[in-house]
N, C-alpha and C. Protein backbone atom coordinates (compact mmCIF):
# COMPACT_ATOMS: atom_id res chain seq x y z
N UNK A 1 11.49 -22.68 20.62
CA UNK A 1 11.40 -21.30 20.16
C UNK A 1 10.43 -20.56 21.07
N UNK A 2 10.84 -19.49 21.68
CA UNK A 2 9.94 -18.72 22.54
C UNK A 2 8.86 -18.00 21.73
N UNK A 3 7.67 -17.96 22.30
CA UNK A 3 6.56 -17.22 21.72
C UNK A 3 6.42 -15.88 22.43
N UNK A 4 6.03 -14.86 21.69
CA UNK A 4 5.65 -13.56 22.24
C UNK A 4 4.21 -13.34 21.80
N UNK A 5 3.31 -13.27 22.78
CA UNK A 5 1.88 -13.13 22.51
C UNK A 5 1.54 -11.65 22.37
N UNK A 6 1.22 -11.24 21.14
CA UNK A 6 0.87 -9.84 20.86
C UNK A 6 -0.64 -9.67 20.73
N UNK A 7 -1.40 -10.48 21.49
CA UNK A 7 -2.85 -10.31 21.59
C UNK A 7 -3.15 -9.91 23.04
N UNK A 8 -4.38 -9.45 23.31
CA UNK A 8 -4.69 -9.08 24.70
C UNK A 8 -5.12 -10.26 25.56
N UNK A 9 -5.12 -11.48 25.00
CA UNK A 9 -5.64 -12.65 25.70
C UNK A 9 -4.56 -13.71 25.91
N UNK A 10 -4.68 -14.46 26.97
CA UNK A 10 -3.85 -15.64 27.16
C UNK A 10 -4.18 -16.62 26.04
N UNK A 11 -3.16 -17.25 25.47
CA UNK A 11 -3.37 -18.22 24.39
C UNK A 11 -3.04 -19.61 24.93
N UNK A 12 -4.04 -20.49 24.91
CA UNK A 12 -3.84 -21.89 25.30
C UNK A 12 -3.80 -22.71 24.02
N UNK A 13 -2.67 -23.39 23.80
CA UNK A 13 -2.45 -24.13 22.57
C UNK A 13 -2.60 -25.62 22.86
N UNK A 14 -3.46 -26.28 22.07
CA UNK A 14 -3.70 -27.71 22.20
C UNK A 14 -3.13 -28.43 20.98
N UNK A 15 -2.76 -29.69 21.17
CA UNK A 15 -2.26 -30.49 20.04
C UNK A 15 -3.43 -31.16 19.33
N UNK A 16 -3.11 -32.01 18.35
CA UNK A 16 -4.15 -32.68 17.55
C UNK A 16 -4.98 -33.67 18.36
N UNK A 17 -4.53 -34.02 19.56
CA UNK A 17 -5.28 -34.92 20.44
C UNK A 17 -6.01 -34.14 21.54
N UNK A 18 -6.08 -32.82 21.36
CA UNK A 18 -6.74 -31.92 22.31
C UNK A 18 -6.10 -31.94 23.70
N UNK A 19 -4.78 -32.14 23.73
CA UNK A 19 -4.01 -32.06 24.97
C UNK A 19 -3.35 -30.68 25.01
N UNK A 20 -3.48 -30.01 26.14
CA UNK A 20 -2.86 -28.70 26.30
C UNK A 20 -1.34 -28.85 26.26
N UNK A 21 -0.70 -28.10 25.35
CA UNK A 21 0.75 -28.20 25.21
C UNK A 21 1.47 -26.90 25.59
N UNK A 22 0.76 -25.78 25.61
CA UNK A 22 1.40 -24.51 25.97
C UNK A 22 0.35 -23.48 26.36
N UNK A 23 0.71 -22.64 27.30
CA UNK A 23 -0.09 -21.48 27.67
C UNK A 23 0.83 -20.27 27.55
N UNK A 24 0.42 -19.30 26.72
CA UNK A 24 1.27 -18.14 26.46
C UNK A 24 0.54 -16.89 26.95
N UNK A 25 1.06 -16.25 28.01
CA UNK A 25 0.40 -15.05 28.53
C UNK A 25 0.58 -13.87 27.57
N UNK A 26 -0.32 -12.89 27.64
CA UNK A 26 -0.14 -11.69 26.81
C UNK A 26 1.13 -10.95 27.21
N UNK A 27 1.79 -10.36 26.23
CA UNK A 27 3.06 -9.66 26.49
C UNK A 27 2.85 -8.24 27.01
N UNK A 28 1.65 -7.72 26.84
CA UNK A 28 1.40 -6.33 27.21
C UNK A 28 1.38 -5.41 26.00
N UNK A 29 1.87 -5.88 24.87
CA UNK A 29 1.80 -5.15 23.60
C UNK A 29 0.81 -5.87 22.71
N UNK A 30 -0.04 -5.11 22.02
CA UNK A 30 -1.04 -5.71 21.14
C UNK A 30 -0.82 -5.20 19.73
N UNK A 31 -0.50 -6.12 18.81
CA UNK A 31 -0.36 -5.77 17.40
C UNK A 31 -1.76 -5.66 16.79
N UNK A 32 -1.97 -4.61 16.02
CA UNK A 32 -3.28 -4.37 15.42
C UNK A 32 -3.11 -3.89 13.98
N UNK A 33 -4.18 -4.06 13.20
CA UNK A 33 -4.24 -3.52 11.85
C UNK A 33 -5.02 -2.21 11.94
N UNK A 34 -4.45 -1.14 11.39
CA UNK A 34 -5.19 0.13 11.39
C UNK A 34 -6.39 0.00 10.45
N UNK A 35 -7.45 0.71 10.79
CA UNK A 35 -8.66 0.65 9.97
C UNK A 35 -9.35 2.01 10.00
N UNK A 36 -9.87 2.39 8.85
CA UNK A 36 -10.70 3.59 8.76
C UNK A 36 -12.03 3.17 8.16
N UNK A 37 -13.08 3.92 8.50
CA UNK A 37 -14.43 3.59 8.05
C UNK A 37 -15.01 4.75 7.26
N UNK A 38 -15.71 4.41 6.17
CA UNK A 38 -16.38 5.41 5.34
C UNK A 38 -17.84 5.01 5.24
N UNK A 39 -18.72 5.95 5.55
CA UNK A 39 -20.15 5.66 5.44
C UNK A 39 -20.50 5.54 3.96
N UNK A 40 -21.16 4.43 3.60
CA UNK A 40 -21.49 4.18 2.20
C UNK A 40 -22.99 4.08 1.95
N UNK A 41 -23.79 4.17 2.98
CA UNK A 41 -25.23 4.09 2.77
C UNK A 41 -25.95 3.74 4.04
N UNK A 42 -27.14 3.18 3.84
CA UNK A 42 -28.01 2.84 4.95
C UNK A 42 -28.86 1.66 4.54
N UNK A 43 -29.14 0.78 5.47
CA UNK A 43 -30.08 -0.31 5.26
C UNK A 43 -31.06 -0.26 6.41
N UNK A 44 -32.34 -0.02 6.07
CA UNK A 44 -33.35 0.21 7.10
C UNK A 44 -32.86 1.37 7.98
N UNK A 45 -32.75 1.16 9.26
CA UNK A 45 -32.33 2.23 10.19
C UNK A 45 -30.82 2.23 10.43
N UNK A 46 -30.11 1.22 9.91
CA UNK A 46 -28.68 1.07 10.23
C UNK A 46 -27.80 1.71 9.17
N UNK A 47 -26.87 2.58 9.60
CA UNK A 47 -25.89 3.09 8.64
C UNK A 47 -24.93 1.97 8.24
N UNK A 48 -24.48 2.00 6.99
CA UNK A 48 -23.54 1.00 6.47
C UNK A 48 -22.19 1.67 6.23
N UNK A 49 -21.12 1.00 6.66
CA UNK A 49 -19.76 1.52 6.52
C UNK A 49 -18.90 0.52 5.77
N UNK A 50 -17.96 1.03 5.03
CA UNK A 50 -16.95 0.20 4.37
C UNK A 50 -15.65 0.40 5.14
N UNK A 51 -15.01 -0.72 5.49
CA UNK A 51 -13.74 -0.66 6.22
C UNK A 51 -12.58 -0.69 5.23
N UNK A 52 -11.59 0.13 5.49
CA UNK A 52 -10.35 0.11 4.71
C UNK A 52 -9.23 -0.21 5.69
N UNK A 53 -8.55 -1.33 5.45
CA UNK A 53 -7.50 -1.77 6.35
C UNK A 53 -6.16 -1.23 5.89
N UNK A 54 -5.36 -0.83 6.85
CA UNK A 54 -4.06 -0.24 6.55
C UNK A 54 -2.91 -1.07 7.06
N UNK A 55 -1.97 -0.39 7.66
CA UNK A 55 -0.74 -1.05 8.09
C UNK A 55 -0.91 -1.70 9.45
N UNK A 56 0.02 -2.61 9.74
CA UNK A 56 0.05 -3.27 11.04
C UNK A 56 0.82 -2.38 12.00
N UNK A 57 0.26 -2.22 13.20
CA UNK A 57 0.87 -1.36 14.22
C UNK A 57 1.34 -2.21 15.39
N UNK A 58 2.41 -1.81 16.01
CA UNK A 58 2.96 -2.43 17.22
C UNK A 58 3.42 -3.87 17.03
N UNK A 59 3.93 -4.17 15.84
CA UNK A 59 4.55 -5.47 15.57
C UNK A 59 6.06 -5.27 15.54
N UNK A 60 6.78 -5.90 16.45
CA UNK A 60 8.24 -5.75 16.45
C UNK A 60 8.88 -6.30 15.18
N UNK A 61 10.08 -5.84 14.92
CA UNK A 61 10.87 -6.39 13.82
C UNK A 61 11.22 -7.85 14.15
N UNK A 62 11.49 -8.66 13.13
CA UNK A 62 11.87 -10.05 13.38
C UNK A 62 13.12 -10.13 14.27
N UNK A 63 13.12 -11.14 15.16
CA UNK A 63 14.28 -11.43 16.00
C UNK A 63 14.54 -12.92 15.92
N UNK A 64 15.78 -13.33 15.77
CA UNK A 64 16.08 -14.76 15.68
C UNK A 64 15.54 -15.52 16.89
N UNK A 65 14.89 -16.64 16.62
CA UNK A 65 14.42 -17.51 17.68
C UNK A 65 13.12 -17.09 18.35
N UNK A 66 12.45 -16.05 17.83
CA UNK A 66 11.20 -15.57 18.41
C UNK A 66 10.08 -15.78 17.41
N UNK A 67 8.93 -16.30 17.88
CA UNK A 67 7.72 -16.41 17.07
C UNK A 67 6.66 -15.55 17.73
N UNK A 68 6.09 -14.63 16.96
CA UNK A 68 5.06 -13.73 17.47
C UNK A 68 3.68 -14.32 17.19
N UNK A 69 2.82 -14.32 18.21
CA UNK A 69 1.42 -14.74 18.05
C UNK A 69 0.58 -13.47 17.97
N UNK A 70 -0.19 -13.34 16.88
CA UNK A 70 -1.03 -12.17 16.65
C UNK A 70 -2.44 -12.65 16.31
N UNK A 71 -3.37 -11.72 16.15
CA UNK A 71 -4.72 -12.08 15.73
C UNK A 71 -4.71 -12.57 14.28
N UNK A 72 -5.75 -13.28 13.91
CA UNK A 72 -5.87 -13.75 12.53
C UNK A 72 -5.88 -12.61 11.54
N UNK A 73 -6.50 -11.48 11.90
CA UNK A 73 -6.55 -10.33 11.00
C UNK A 73 -5.16 -9.75 10.77
N UNK A 74 -4.36 -9.67 11.83
CA UNK A 74 -3.00 -9.15 11.68
C UNK A 74 -2.19 -10.11 10.81
N UNK A 75 -2.28 -11.41 11.06
CA UNK A 75 -1.54 -12.39 10.26
C UNK A 75 -1.93 -12.30 8.79
N UNK A 76 -3.23 -12.12 8.51
CA UNK A 76 -3.68 -12.01 7.12
C UNK A 76 -3.10 -10.78 6.43
N UNK A 77 -2.83 -9.73 7.20
CA UNK A 77 -2.28 -8.50 6.63
C UNK A 77 -0.79 -8.62 6.29
N UNK A 78 -0.12 -9.61 6.90
CA UNK A 78 1.34 -9.77 6.68
C UNK A 78 1.67 -11.25 6.44
N UNK A 79 1.12 -11.84 5.39
CA UNK A 79 1.29 -13.28 5.18
C UNK A 79 2.73 -13.73 4.94
N UNK A 80 3.61 -12.83 4.55
CA UNK A 80 4.99 -13.21 4.25
C UNK A 80 5.92 -13.19 5.46
N UNK A 81 5.44 -12.71 6.61
CA UNK A 81 6.28 -12.72 7.82
C UNK A 81 6.30 -14.13 8.38
N UNK A 82 7.43 -14.80 8.27
CA UNK A 82 7.55 -16.19 8.72
C UNK A 82 7.72 -16.32 10.23
N UNK A 83 7.90 -15.19 10.91
CA UNK A 83 8.05 -15.21 12.37
C UNK A 83 6.74 -14.82 13.06
N UNK A 84 5.64 -14.83 12.31
CA UNK A 84 4.33 -14.43 12.84
C UNK A 84 3.34 -15.55 12.61
N UNK A 85 2.56 -15.87 13.65
CA UNK A 85 1.55 -16.90 13.58
C UNK A 85 0.30 -16.40 14.29
N UNK A 86 -0.81 -17.13 14.14
CA UNK A 86 -2.07 -16.76 14.78
C UNK A 86 -2.71 -18.01 15.36
N UNK A 87 -3.63 -17.84 16.31
CA UNK A 87 -4.30 -19.02 16.87
C UNK A 87 -4.97 -19.85 15.77
N UNK A 88 -4.88 -21.17 15.92
CA UNK A 88 -5.52 -22.09 14.98
C UNK A 88 -7.00 -22.25 15.31
N UNK A 89 -7.55 -23.37 14.89
CA UNK A 89 -8.97 -23.65 15.09
C UNK A 89 -9.33 -23.53 16.57
N UNK A 90 -10.40 -22.79 16.85
CA UNK A 90 -10.81 -22.59 18.25
C UNK A 90 -11.34 -23.87 18.86
N UNK A 91 -11.03 -24.08 20.12
CA UNK A 91 -11.60 -25.16 20.92
C UNK A 91 -12.53 -24.47 21.92
N UNK A 92 -13.76 -24.98 22.02
CA UNK A 92 -14.78 -24.34 22.86
C UNK A 92 -15.23 -25.28 23.97
N UNK A 93 -15.68 -24.68 25.08
CA UNK A 93 -16.25 -25.47 26.17
C UNK A 93 -17.69 -25.85 25.80
N UNK A 94 -18.38 -26.64 26.62
CA UNK A 94 -19.75 -27.07 26.29
C UNK A 94 -20.73 -25.91 26.09
N UNK A 95 -20.42 -24.74 26.62
CA UNK A 95 -21.30 -23.58 26.45
C UNK A 95 -20.93 -22.73 25.23
N UNK A 96 -19.94 -23.16 24.47
CA UNK A 96 -19.54 -22.43 23.28
C UNK A 96 -18.48 -21.38 23.49
N UNK A 97 -18.00 -21.24 24.72
CA UNK A 97 -16.97 -20.23 25.02
C UNK A 97 -15.61 -20.75 24.58
N UNK A 98 -14.84 -19.95 23.82
CA UNK A 98 -13.50 -20.38 23.43
C UNK A 98 -12.60 -20.58 24.66
N UNK A 99 -11.89 -21.72 24.67
CA UNK A 99 -10.98 -21.99 25.78
C UNK A 99 -9.54 -22.15 25.30
N UNK A 100 -9.34 -22.22 24.00
CA UNK A 100 -8.00 -22.37 23.46
C UNK A 100 -8.06 -22.59 21.96
N UNK A 101 -6.93 -22.99 21.40
CA UNK A 101 -6.87 -23.23 19.96
C UNK A 101 -6.10 -24.50 19.67
N UNK A 102 -6.47 -25.14 18.58
CA UNK A 102 -5.78 -26.35 18.14
C UNK A 102 -4.65 -25.90 17.22
N UNK A 103 -3.46 -25.88 17.77
CA UNK A 103 -2.30 -25.47 17.00
C UNK A 103 -2.31 -23.98 16.65
N UNK A 104 -1.43 -23.62 15.77
CA UNK A 104 -1.28 -22.23 15.34
C UNK A 104 -1.32 -22.17 13.83
N UNK A 105 -1.86 -21.07 13.27
CA UNK A 105 -1.89 -20.85 11.83
C UNK A 105 -0.59 -20.20 11.41
N UNK A 106 0.03 -20.73 10.37
CA UNK A 106 1.31 -20.23 9.92
C UNK A 106 1.20 -19.68 8.53
């Protein structure tokens, strides 16, 4: 099944043995969740805002045989879309920089 990466980053997918099994380049389209912010107060010198999340933007309609990779936030906003997945557990290098993910969240 072909993947379409709707994030701005290359996705490196590792299996349960931490072997690289796929590298999926960004498609050029980024699916996002719309968000608006409302100021609700202040703590010390910092203003505090409440985020309100809205609809998902730039997510194509389902197509047979295609699996879309999106951010975890986008996937959480549309849990019933069976053609949408997000990066699984992050794998990091010795300096803590993410280098890929262990599988995909479905």
